[in-house]
Each structure stands twice: as structure tokens, then as C-alpha cells.
Amino acid sequence: MTKVLFLLSAVVLVVAGFFSYQNREAFVETRSKLRDNHAAIGKELVKIEALNKEVGAIILNKQKADDDLKNEQERLAQSKIKLKNAENEAERTTQDIAAKQARLDEVKKDMVNLPPGVTMDNLSEHINQIKTTIAANETQAADAEKATKAKQEEVKKAKDQLEDVVKRIEDRKKSFDRNSMSATIVAVNNDWGFVVIDGGQNKGITTDTKLLITRGTETVGKLNIVAVESNKTVANIVQKSLRGGLSVAPGDKVILESLYQ
């Protein structure tokens, strides 16, 4: 009986050793596969991490591209507005040029009817010559009229001049020296916008003299001298200098602008 048990134990040990050997091979093989799987998973994780970085960079680049696109779209909108404004300004300029060209064409048509020898360059000179001629004629007419009432005009002129001097002395408290000057407007041509003054070189007036028109203590306006003779002066009325509601009339006084100031 003891031998049988011993034999059975031996058989069991042999069988157990056989299965243990077989399982060892399987275990070694399993561990080897697990190690290979872990290595493969590690490589894949590295690839995934690299891909995640690439995706993050792509997302950042996309955001930057979206921001750049938005900025470019805003700049494009501003450029379109500026372009529209420039087009409107160009259209206005074109219309203005067309209007000026039309006016120039009208002036050229009018130039055809000008007297011989008169051009745009010397038109102002011819106008001043005409004014001087008209002034001479009007002065002669005024002189003829003054001849009939010379004494009365002389008395009135002396009185007006005296009152004017007294007023200016009282209002401005200035003492005028020998360079002070007072003259009277004897004729006014409103159509041509000029006056004739009863004083010229004899009162120290030159083409550079600045004159004011006065009436009592009021200043009516300013004059620009056109021509100066020995005893009379022709001057243009500076229209924009006239005070509201006032116009130049014969009998108005003329003084030096520097003395008034």
C-alpha cells in the first residue's frame, strides 16, 4: 500500500512538473507580448502627442488667420469707404471744372465783342482809362454846375470842412500836422463804382495813398486810387468796405486812413 501511494505521488509530481513547464512557456510568451504591446502603445502615445501639438499649432494658426482675415476685411471696408468718398470728390471736382469751363467759354464769347486791341491781359487797364475819361467828363460837368453857385458852394464847403475838422478833433483828440488832408467827393458813378475827389497832387495824394470816406463822425467806406492829377483824384469804391445801409454820395468827405487810425 505504501508503495502504491509513493508511485501515485511520483506520477502526480511528474504530471505537475509537465504542466508547470508548459505553463512557463506560455507565461514567458505572454510577458514578451505584453512588453511588445507596451512599447507599441508608447510609440503610439508619442505619435498622438505629436499630433496633438500639430493640431494645437494648426488651431492657433487658424485663429491668427481668422484674426488677420477680419482685420483685412475691416481695412477693405475702410478702403471702399475712402474710394467712395474719393469718387464723390472727383465727381464734384469734375462738375466744378465743367462749370468753370462753361463760364470760361462765355467769357471767350464776350471777348469777341471787345474793342480792337483789348484783351484779357489789358482789360483792367482799358477799364481804368474809360473810368478816367468818364471822370474827366463828369468833372467838367460838375465844374460847369459849380460855376453857377460857386460862392454858395465855397461857403458850404468851408463850413463843412470846419465842422468836420472840429468833430474829428473832439472825437479823436488828435492834432493834425501839415500832412493832414481832407477833400470832398464831387461826383459818384455807381454804375462803374468810382468817385471823383476835388483834390489831387496839390493835397499830397499819390497812387499809394489810402483814403477813407466819412460822413460826419461816421466812416462810410474805403477807396482805392485809380488816377491822380494836379487837383483831382479818381478812385474805385471798395464795395465790401461799405457799412450796411450806407452808400457813397457827393459831398462825403475823404481823409487819410492812417490819420483816422
C-alpha atoms as a PDB file:
ATOM      1  CA  MET A   1       0.000   0.000   0.000  1.00  0.00           C
ATOM      2  CA  THR A   2       2.821   2.326   0.827  1.00  0.00           C
ATOM      3  CA  LYS A   3       4.474   1.615  -2.494  1.00  0.00           C
ATOM      4  CA  VAL A   4       1.246   2.394  -4.323  1.00  0.00           C
ATOM      5  CA  LEU A   5       0.915   5.756  -2.616  1.00  0.00           C
ATOM      6  CA  PHE A   6       4.516   6.514  -3.388  1.00  0.00           C
ATOM      7  CA  LEU A   7       4.024   5.652  -7.006  1.00  0.00           C
ATOM      8  CA  LEU A   8       0.889   7.792  -7.196  1.00  0.00           C
ATOM      9  CA  SER A   9       2.749  10.719  -5.636  1.00  0.00           C
ATOM     10  CA  ALA A  10       5.536  10.316  -8.118  1.00  0.00           C
ATOM     11  CA  VAL A  11       3.090  10.255 -11.006  1.00  0.00           C
ATOM     12  CA  VAL A  12       1.382  13.390  -9.678  1.00  0.00           C
ATOM     13  CA  LEU A  13       4.720  15.181  -9.355  1.00  0.00           C
ATOM     14  CA  VAL A  14       5.678  14.220 -12.905  1.00  0.00           C
ATOM     15  CA  VAL A  15       2.348  15.388 -14.286  1.00  0.00           C
ATOM     16  CA  ALA A  16       2.555  18.596 -12.262  1.00  0.00           C
ATOM     17  CA  GLY A  17       6.069  19.264 -13.491  1.00  0.00           C
ATOM     18  CA  PHE A  18       4.983  18.654 -17.079  1.00  0.00           C
ATOM     19  CA  PHE A  19       2.093  21.137 -16.881  1.00  0.00           C
ATOM     20  CA  SER A  20       4.247  23.612 -14.982  1.00  0.00           C
ATOM     21  CA  TYR A  21       6.805  23.520 -17.805  1.00  0.00           C
ATOM     22  CA  GLN A  22       4.146  24.075 -20.417  1.00  0.00           C
ATOM     23  CA  ASN A  23       2.580  26.994 -18.478  1.00  0.00           C
ATOM     24  CA  ARG A  24       6.018  28.592 -18.024  1.00  0.00           C
ATOM     25  CA  GLU A  25       6.497  28.785 -21.761  1.00  0.00           C
ATOM     26  CA  ALA A  26       3.070  30.350 -22.185  1.00  0.00           C
ATOM     27  CA  PHE A  27       3.767  32.856 -19.382  1.00  0.00           C
ATOM     28  CA  VAL A  28       7.107  33.882 -20.897  1.00  0.00           C
ATOM     29  CA  GLU A  29       5.449  34.287 -24.261  1.00  0.00           C
ATOM     30  CA  THR A  30       2.614  36.342 -22.720  1.00  0.00           C
ATOM     31  CA  ARG A  31       5.054  38.658 -20.920  1.00  0.00           C
ATOM     32  CA  SER A  32       7.009  39.108 -24.112  1.00  0.00           C
ATOM     33  CA  LYS A  33       3.807  40.059 -25.971  1.00  0.00           C
ATOM     34  CA  LEU A  34       2.792  42.470 -23.175  1.00  0.00           C
ATOM     35  CA  ARG A  35       6.219  44.111 -23.336  1.00  0.00           C
ATOM     36  CA  ASP A  36       5.921  44.476 -27.101  1.00  0.00           C
ATOM     37  CA  ASN A  37       2.386  45.871 -26.731  1.00  0.00           C
ATOM     38  CA  HIS A  38       3.561  48.399 -24.117  1.00  0.00           C
ATOM     39  CA  ALA A  39       6.375  49.525 -26.419  1.00  0.00           C
ATOM     40  CA  ALA A  40       3.936  49.847 -29.334  1.00  0.00           C
ATOM     41  CA  ILE A  41       1.462  51.761 -27.164  1.00  0.00           C
ATOM     42  CA  GLY A  42       4.287  54.093 -26.006  1.00  0.00           C
ATOM     43  CA  LYS A  43       5.209  54.798 -29.635  1.00  0.00           C
ATOM     44  CA  GLU A  44       1.574  55.460 -30.492  1.00  0.00           C
ATOM     45  CA  LEU A  45       1.243  57.767 -27.477  1.00  0.00           C
ATOM     46  CA  VAL A  46       4.306  59.718 -28.674  1.00  0.00           C
ATOM     47  CA  LYS A  47       2.722  59.970 -32.128  1.00  0.00           C
ATOM     48  CA  ILE A  48      -0.578  61.068 -30.582  1.00  0.00           C
ATOM     49  CA  GLU A  49       1.189  63.701 -28.501  1.00  0.00           C
ATOM     50  CA  ALA A  50       2.996  64.985 -31.598  1.00  0.00           C
ATOM     51  CA  LEU A  51      -0.313  65.047 -33.468  1.00  0.00           C
ATOM     52  CA  ASN A  52      -1.909  66.946 -30.578  1.00  0.00           C
ATOM     53  CA  LYS A  53       0.862  69.546 -30.806  1.00  0.00           C
ATOM     54  CA  GLU A  54       0.404  69.812 -34.553  1.00  0.00           C
ATOM     55  CA  VAL A  55      -3.362  70.167 -34.114  1.00  0.00           C
ATOM     56  CA  GLY A  56      -2.831  72.862 -31.453  1.00  0.00           C
ATOM     57  CA  ALA A  57      -0.461  74.727 -33.771  1.00  0.00           C
ATOM     58  CA  ILE A  58      -2.974  74.412 -36.602  1.00  0.00           C
ATOM     59  CA  ILE A  59      -5.742  75.759 -34.351  1.00  0.00           C
ATOM     60  CA  LEU A  60      -3.560  78.713 -33.311  1.00  0.00           C
ATOM     61  CA  ASN A  61      -2.653  79.379 -36.943  1.00  0.00           C
ATOM     62  CA  LYS A  62      -6.324  79.200 -37.873  1.00  0.00           C
ATOM     63  CA  GLN A  63      -7.238  81.691 -35.137  1.00  0.00           C
ATOM     64  CA  LYS A  64      -4.464  84.007 -36.296  1.00  0.00           C
ATOM     65  CA  ALA A  65      -5.611  83.591 -39.876  1.00  0.00           C
ATOM     66  CA  ASP A  66      -9.193  84.350 -38.822  1.00  0.00           C
ATOM     67  CA  ASP A  67      -7.988  87.489 -36.998  1.00  0.00           C
ATOM     68  CA  ASP A  68      -5.910  88.544 -40.000  1.00  0.00           C
ATOM     69  CA  LEU A  69      -8.874  87.933 -42.279  1.00  0.00           C
ATOM     70  CA  LYS A  70     -11.123  90.029 -40.030  1.00  0.00           C
ATOM     71  CA  ASN A  71      -8.556  92.860 -39.993  1.00  0.00           C
ATOM     72  CA  GLU A  72      -8.185  92.686 -43.757  1.00  0.00           C
ATOM     73  CA  GLN A  73     -11.953  92.746 -44.169  1.00  0.00           C
ATOM     74  CA  GLU A  74     -12.148  95.853 -41.949  1.00  0.00           C
ATOM     75  CA  ARG A  75      -9.349  97.522 -43.920  1.00  0.00           C
ATOM     76  CA  LEU A  76     -11.119  96.571 -47.130  1.00  0.00           C
ATOM     77  CA  ALA A  77     -14.343  98.147 -45.852  1.00  0.00           C
ATOM     78  CA  GLN A  78     -12.453 101.325 -44.915  1.00  0.00           C
ATOM     79  CA  SER A  79     -10.768 101.341 -48.314  1.00  0.00           C
ATOM     80  CA  LYS A  80     -14.160 101.013 -50.014  1.00  0.00           C
ATOM     81  CA  ILE A  81     -15.457 103.983 -47.980  1.00  0.00           C
ATOM     82  CA  LYS A  82     -12.383 106.045 -48.890  1.00  0.00           C
ATOM     83  CA  LEU A  83     -12.755 105.022 -52.518  1.00  0.00           C
ATOM     84  CA  LYS A  84     -16.415 106.064 -52.496  1.00  0.00           C
ATOM     85  CA  ASN A  85     -15.521 109.393 -50.915  1.00  0.00           C
ATOM     86  CA  ALA A  86     -12.763 109.903 -53.482  1.00  0.00           C
ATOM     87  CA  GLU A  87     -15.184 109.091 -56.295  1.00  0.00           C
ATOM     88  CA  ASN A  88     -17.715 111.596 -54.906  1.00  0.00           C
ATOM     89  CA  GLU A  89     -14.994 114.232 -54.567  1.00  0.00           C
ATOM     90  CA  ALA A  90     -13.815 113.513 -58.098  1.00  0.00           C
ATOM     91  CA  GLU A  91     -17.374 113.886 -59.364  1.00  0.00           C
ATOM     92  CA  ARG A  92     -17.759 117.213 -57.553  1.00  0.00           C
ATOM     93  CA  THR A  93     -14.422 118.371 -58.939  1.00  0.00           C
ATOM     94  CA  THR A  94     -15.471 117.338 -62.439  1.00  0.00           C
ATOM     95  CA  GLN A  95     -18.731 119.264 -62.090  1.00  0.00           C
ATOM     96  CA  ASP A  96     -16.849 122.307 -60.770  1.00  0.00           C
ATOM     97  CA  ILE A  97     -14.388 122.131 -63.666  1.00  0.00           C
ATOM     98  CA  ALA A  98     -17.274 121.824 -66.112  1.00  0.00           C
ATOM     99  CA  ALA A  99     -18.983 124.874 -64.607  1.00  0.00           C
ATOM    100  CA  LYS A 100     -15.756 126.891 -64.737  1.00  0.00           C
ATOM    101  CA  GLN A 101     -15.145 125.759 -68.301  1.00  0.00           C
ATOM    102  CA  ALA A 102     -18.663 126.863 -69.249  1.00  0.00           C
ATOM    103  CA  ARG A 103     -18.031 130.246 -67.626  1.00  0.00           C
ATOM    104  CA  LEU A 104     -14.696 130.487 -69.463  1.00  0.00           C
ATOM    105  CA  ASP A 105     -16.453 129.732 -72.752  1.00  0.00           C
ATOM    106  CA  GLU A 106     -18.935 132.514 -72.031  1.00  0.00           C
ATOM    107  CA  VAL A 107     -16.088 134.932 -71.275  1.00  0.00           C
ATOM    108  CA  LYS A 108     -14.359 133.923 -74.520  1.00  0.00           C
ATOM    109  CA  LYS A 109     -17.580 134.607 -76.444  1.00  0.00           C
ATOM    110  CA  ASP A 110     -17.839 138.020 -74.787  1.00  0.00           C
ATOM    111  CA  MET A 111     -14.208 138.704 -75.688  1.00  0.00           C
ATOM    112  CA  VAL A 112     -15.174 138.572 -79.371  1.00  0.00           C
ATOM    113  CA  ASN A 113     -17.204 141.761 -78.908  1.00  0.00           C
ATOM    114  CA  LEU A 114     -14.412 143.703 -77.195  1.00  0.00           C
ATOM    115  CA  PRO A 115     -12.903 146.716 -78.987  1.00  0.00           C
ATOM    116  CA  PRO A 116      -9.806 146.120 -81.138  1.00  0.00           C
ATOM    117  CA  GLY A 117      -6.620 145.801 -79.112  1.00  0.00           C
ATOM    118  CA  VAL A 118      -8.450 144.885 -75.885  1.00  0.00           C
ATOM    119  CA  THR A 119      -7.515 141.522 -74.367  1.00  0.00           C
ATOM    120  CA  MET A 120      -7.999 139.825 -71.020  1.00  0.00           C
ATOM    121  CA  ASP A 121      -4.484 140.904 -70.053  1.00  0.00           C
ATOM    122  CA  ASN A 122      -5.059 144.622 -70.625  1.00  0.00           C
ATOM    123  CA  LEU A 123      -8.819 144.726 -69.948  1.00  0.00           C
ATOM    124  CA  SER A 124      -8.330 146.240 -66.474  1.00  0.00           C
ATOM    125  CA  GLU A 125      -6.092 148.944 -67.903  1.00  0.00           C
ATOM    126  CA  HIS A 126      -8.681 149.847 -70.554  1.00  0.00           C
ATOM    127  CA  ILE A 127     -11.431 149.946 -67.942  1.00  0.00           C
ATOM    128  CA  ASN A 128      -9.375 152.356 -65.827  1.00  0.00           C
ATOM    129  CA  GLN A 129      -8.774 154.510 -68.892  1.00  0.00           C
ATOM    130  CA  ILE A 130     -12.515 154.569 -69.577  1.00  0.00           C
ATOM    131  CA  LYS A 131     -13.168 155.461 -65.943  1.00  0.00           C
ATOM    132  CA  THR A 132     -10.640 158.288 -66.176  1.00  0.00           C
ATOM    133  CA  THR A 133     -12.298 159.594 -69.339  1.00  0.00           C
ATOM    134  CA  ILE A 134     -15.754 159.386 -67.774  1.00  0.00           C
ATOM    135  CA  ALA A 135     -14.420 161.070 -64.664  1.00  0.00           C
ATOM    136  CA  ALA A 136     -12.939 163.893 -66.730  1.00  0.00           C
ATOM    137  CA  ASN A 137     -16.265 164.443 -68.483  1.00  0.00           C
ATOM    138  CA  GLU A 138     -18.207 164.318 -65.239  1.00  0.00           C
ATOM    139  CA  THR A 139     -15.710 166.684 -63.636  1.00  0.00           C
ATOM    140  CA  GLN A 140     -16.223 169.159 -66.448  1.00  0.00           C
ATOM    141  CA  ALA A 141     -20.000 168.883 -65.963  1.00  0.00           C
ATOM    142  CA  ALA A 142     -19.583 169.335 -62.236  1.00  0.00           C
ATOM    143  CA  ASP A 143     -17.324 172.355 -62.792  1.00  0.00           C
ATOM    144  CA  ALA A 144     -19.966 173.918 -65.087  1.00  0.00           C
ATOM    145  CA  GLU A 145     -22.622 173.378 -62.434  1.00  0.00           C
ATOM    146  CA  LYS A 146     -20.377 174.674 -59.684  1.00  0.00           C
ATOM    147  CA  ALA A 147     -19.722 177.865 -61.692  1.00  0.00           C
ATOM    148  CA  THR A 148     -23.373 178.925 -61.211  1.00  0.00           C
ATOM    149  CA  LYS A 149     -23.193 178.608 -57.454  1.00  0.00           C
ATOM    150  CA  ALA A 150     -19.502 178.986 -56.737  1.00  0.00           C
ATOM    151  CA  LYS A 151     -19.813 181.338 -53.806  1.00  0.00           C
ATOM    152  CA  GLN A 152     -22.507 179.279 -52.117  1.00  0.00           C
ATOM    153  CA  GLU A 153     -20.520 176.058 -52.547  1.00  0.00           C
ATOM    154  CA  GLU A 154     -17.341 177.685 -51.278  1.00  0.00           C
ATOM    155  CA  VAL A 155     -19.100 178.869 -48.129  1.00  0.00           C
ATOM    156  CA  LYS A 156     -20.755 175.466 -47.644  1.00  0.00           C
ATOM    157  CA  LYS A 157     -17.516 173.621 -48.280  1.00  0.00           C
ATOM    158  CA  ALA A 158     -15.620 175.822 -45.836  1.00  0.00           C
ATOM    159  CA  LYS A 159     -18.333 175.331 -43.225  1.00  0.00           C
ATOM    160  CA  ASP A 160     -18.454 171.553 -43.783  1.00  0.00           C
ATOM    161  CA  GLN A 161     -14.691 171.286 -43.652  1.00  0.00           C
ATOM    162  CA  LEU A 162     -14.570 173.340 -40.471  1.00  0.00           C
ATOM    163  CA  GLU A 163     -17.293 171.246 -38.806  1.00  0.00           C
ATOM    164  CA  ASP A 164     -15.590 168.070 -39.955  1.00  0.00           C
ATOM    165  CA  VAL A 165     -12.233 169.149 -38.539  1.00  0.00           C
ATOM    166  CA  VAL A 166     -13.819 170.218 -35.236  1.00  0.00           C
ATOM    167  CA  LYS A 167     -15.688 166.908 -34.971  1.00  0.00           C
ATOM    168  CA  ARG A 168     -12.576 164.856 -35.607  1.00  0.00           C
ATOM    169  CA  ILE A 169     -10.631 166.897 -33.061  1.00  0.00           C
ATOM    170  CA  GLU A 170     -13.347 166.386 -30.441  1.00  0.00           C
ATOM    171  CA  ASP A 171     -13.928 162.685 -31.128  1.00  0.00           C
ATOM    172  CA  ARG A 172     -10.374 161.521 -31.613  1.00  0.00           C
ATOM    173  CA  LYS A 173      -8.431 164.245 -29.697  1.00  0.00           C
ATOM    174  CA  LYS A 174      -5.685 164.226 -32.255  1.00  0.00           C
ATOM    175  CA  SER A 175      -3.740 167.183 -33.520  1.00  0.00           C
ATOM    176  CA  PHE A 176      -3.275 167.015 -37.296  1.00  0.00           C
ATOM    177  CA  ASP A 177       0.013 168.382 -38.641  1.00  0.00           C
ATOM    178  CA  ARG A 178       0.682 169.767 -42.107  1.00  0.00           C
ATOM    179  CA  ASN A 179       0.382 166.241 -43.587  1.00  0.00           C
ATOM    180  CA  SER A 180      -3.311 166.004 -42.612  1.00  0.00           C
ATOM    181  CA  MET A 181      -5.673 166.004 -45.560  1.00  0.00           C
ATOM    182  CA  SER A 182      -9.381 166.487 -46.141  1.00  0.00           C
ATOM    183  CA  ALA A 183     -11.109 166.508 -49.519  1.00  0.00           C
ATOM    184  CA  THR A 184     -14.655 166.205 -50.836  1.00  0.00           C
ATOM    185  CA  ILE A 185     -16.255 163.765 -53.243  1.00  0.00           C
ATOM    186  CA  VAL A 186     -17.701 165.872 -56.044  1.00  0.00           C
ATOM    187  CA  ALA A 187     -19.055 163.085 -58.281  1.00  0.00           C
ATOM    188  CA  VAL A 188     -20.112 159.451 -57.855  1.00  0.00           C
ATOM    189  CA  ASN A 189     -20.561 156.905 -60.650  1.00  0.00           C
ATOM    190  CA  ASN A 190     -22.418 153.955 -59.129  1.00  0.00           C
ATOM    191  CA  ASP A 191     -22.551 152.044 -62.432  1.00  0.00           C
ATOM    192  CA  TRP A 192     -18.773 151.845 -62.644  1.00  0.00           C
ATOM    193  CA  GLY A 193     -18.216 152.055 -58.889  1.00  0.00           C
ATOM    194  CA  PHE A 194     -15.843 155.036 -58.693  1.00  0.00           C
ATOM    195  CA  VAL A 195     -15.759 158.629 -57.413  1.00  0.00           C
ATOM    196  CA  VAL A 196     -14.083 161.933 -58.276  1.00  0.00           C
ATOM    197  CA  ILE A 197     -12.368 163.850 -55.463  1.00  0.00           C
ATOM    198  CA  ASP A 198     -11.667 167.624 -55.526  1.00  0.00           C
ATOM    199  CA  GLY A 199      -8.044 167.157 -54.563  1.00  0.00           C
ATOM    200  CA  GLY A 200      -5.001 165.515 -56.071  1.00  0.00           C
ATOM    201  CA  GLN A 201      -1.287 166.159 -56.101  1.00  0.00           C
ATOM    202  CA  ASN A 202      -1.990 169.618 -54.638  1.00  0.00           C
ATOM    203  CA  LYS A 203      -3.112 167.862 -51.415  1.00  0.00           C
ATOM    204  CA  GLY A 204      -0.293 165.347 -51.343  1.00  0.00           C
ATOM    205  CA  ILE A 205      -2.354 162.441 -52.731  1.00  0.00           C
ATOM    206  CA  THR A 206      -0.443 159.735 -54.605  1.00  0.00           C
ATOM    207  CA  THR A 207      -1.473 156.404 -56.125  1.00  0.00           C
ATOM    208  CA  ASP A 208      -0.295 154.693 -52.936  1.00  0.00           C
ATOM    209  CA  THR A 209      -2.393 156.885 -50.601  1.00  0.00           C
ATOM    210  CA  LYS A 210      -5.075 155.037 -48.578  1.00  0.00           C
ATOM    211  CA  LEU A 211      -8.312 157.005 -48.266  1.00  0.00           C
ATOM    212  CA  LEU A 212     -11.450 156.720 -46.133  1.00  0.00           C
ATOM    213  CA  ILE A 213     -14.911 158.089 -46.909  1.00  0.00           C
ATOM    214  CA  THR A 214     -16.547 159.847 -43.927  1.00  0.00           C
ATOM    215  CA  ARG A 215     -19.900 161.457 -43.277  1.00  0.00           C
ATOM    216  CA  GLY A 216     -19.952 163.494 -40.094  1.00  0.00           C
ATOM    217  CA  THR A 217     -18.359 161.252 -37.481  1.00  0.00           C
ATOM    218  CA  GLU A 218     -19.214 158.029 -39.352  1.00  0.00           C
ATOM    219  CA  THR A 219     -16.925 156.111 -41.672  1.00  0.00           C
ATOM    220  CA  VAL A 220     -18.774 155.125 -44.853  1.00  0.00           C
ATOM    221  CA  GLY A 221     -16.116 153.015 -46.592  1.00  0.00           C
ATOM    222  CA  LYS A 222     -12.695 152.881 -48.286  1.00  0.00           C
ATOM    223  CA  LEU A 223     -11.270 153.932 -51.662  1.00  0.00           C
ATOM    224  CA  ASN A 224      -8.593 152.545 -53.974  1.00  0.00           C
ATOM    225  CA  ILE A 225      -6.970 155.238 -56.097  1.00  0.00           C
ATOM    226  CA  VAL A 226      -7.036 154.793 -59.890  1.00  0.00           C
ATOM    227  CA  ALA A 227      -5.543 158.074 -61.153  1.00  0.00           C
ATOM    228  CA  VAL A 228      -4.190 161.255 -59.566  1.00  0.00           C
ATOM    229  CA  GLU A 229      -3.985 164.631 -61.279  1.00  0.00           C
ATOM    230  CA  SER A 230      -2.899 168.023 -60.021  1.00  0.00           C
ATOM    231  CA  ASN A 231      -6.245 168.980 -58.459  1.00  0.00           C
ATOM    232  CA  LYS A 232      -8.439 165.879 -58.673  1.00  0.00           C
ATOM    233  CA  THR A 233      -8.340 162.154 -57.980  1.00  0.00           C
ATOM    234  CA  VAL A 234     -10.272 159.194 -59.427  1.00  0.00           C
ATOM    235  CA  ALA A 235     -10.723 156.261 -57.046  1.00  0.00           C
ATOM    236  CA  ASN A 236     -12.635 152.976 -57.002  1.00  0.00           C
ATOM    237  CA  ILE A 237     -15.106 152.324 -54.190  1.00  0.00           C
ATOM    238  CA  VAL A 238     -14.156 149.237 -52.152  1.00  0.00           C
ATOM    239  CA  GLN A 239     -17.669 147.769 -52.148  1.00  0.00           C
ATOM    240  CA  LYS A 240     -17.070 145.257 -49.370  1.00  0.00           C
ATOM    241  CA  SER A 241     -15.898 148.053 -47.054  1.00  0.00           C
ATOM    242  CA  LEU A 242     -19.213 149.963 -47.207  1.00  0.00           C
ATOM    243  CA  ARG A 243     -21.123 149.980 -43.935  1.00  0.00           C
ATOM    244  CA  GLY A 244     -24.554 148.376 -44.011  1.00  0.00           C
ATOM    245  CA  GLY A 245     -27.251 150.624 -45.410  1.00  0.00           C
ATOM    246  CA  LEU A 246     -24.790 153.354 -46.484  1.00  0.00           C
ATOM    247  CA  SER A 247     -23.752 154.388 -49.981  1.00  0.00           C
ATOM    248  CA  VAL A 248     -21.284 156.991 -51.239  1.00  0.00           C
ATOM    249  CA  ALA A 249     -22.747 160.383 -52.211  1.00  0.00           C
ATOM    250  CA  PRO A 250     -21.393 163.719 -53.455  1.00  0.00           C
ATOM    251  CA  GLY A 251     -20.406 165.880 -50.503  1.00  0.00           C
ATOM    252  CA  ASP A 252     -18.940 162.969 -48.498  1.00  0.00           C
ATOM    253  CA  LYS A 253     -15.529 163.746 -47.057  1.00  0.00           C
ATOM    254  CA  VAL A 254     -12.284 161.909 -47.817  1.00  0.00           C
ATOM    255  CA  ILE A 255      -9.468 161.641 -45.263  1.00  0.00           C
ATOM    256  CA  LEU A 256      -6.231 159.711 -44.914  1.00  0.00           C
ATOM    257  CA  GLU A 257      -6.794 156.245 -43.497  1.00  0.00           C
ATOM    258  CA  SER A 258      -3.612 156.477 -41.376  1.00  0.00           C
ATOM    259  CA  LEU A 259      -4.878 159.618 -39.635  1.00  0.00           C
ATOM    260  CA  TYR A 260      -8.207 158.008 -38.837  1.00  0.00           C
ATOM    261  CA  GLN A 261      -6.443 155.094 -37.192  1.00  0.00           C
END
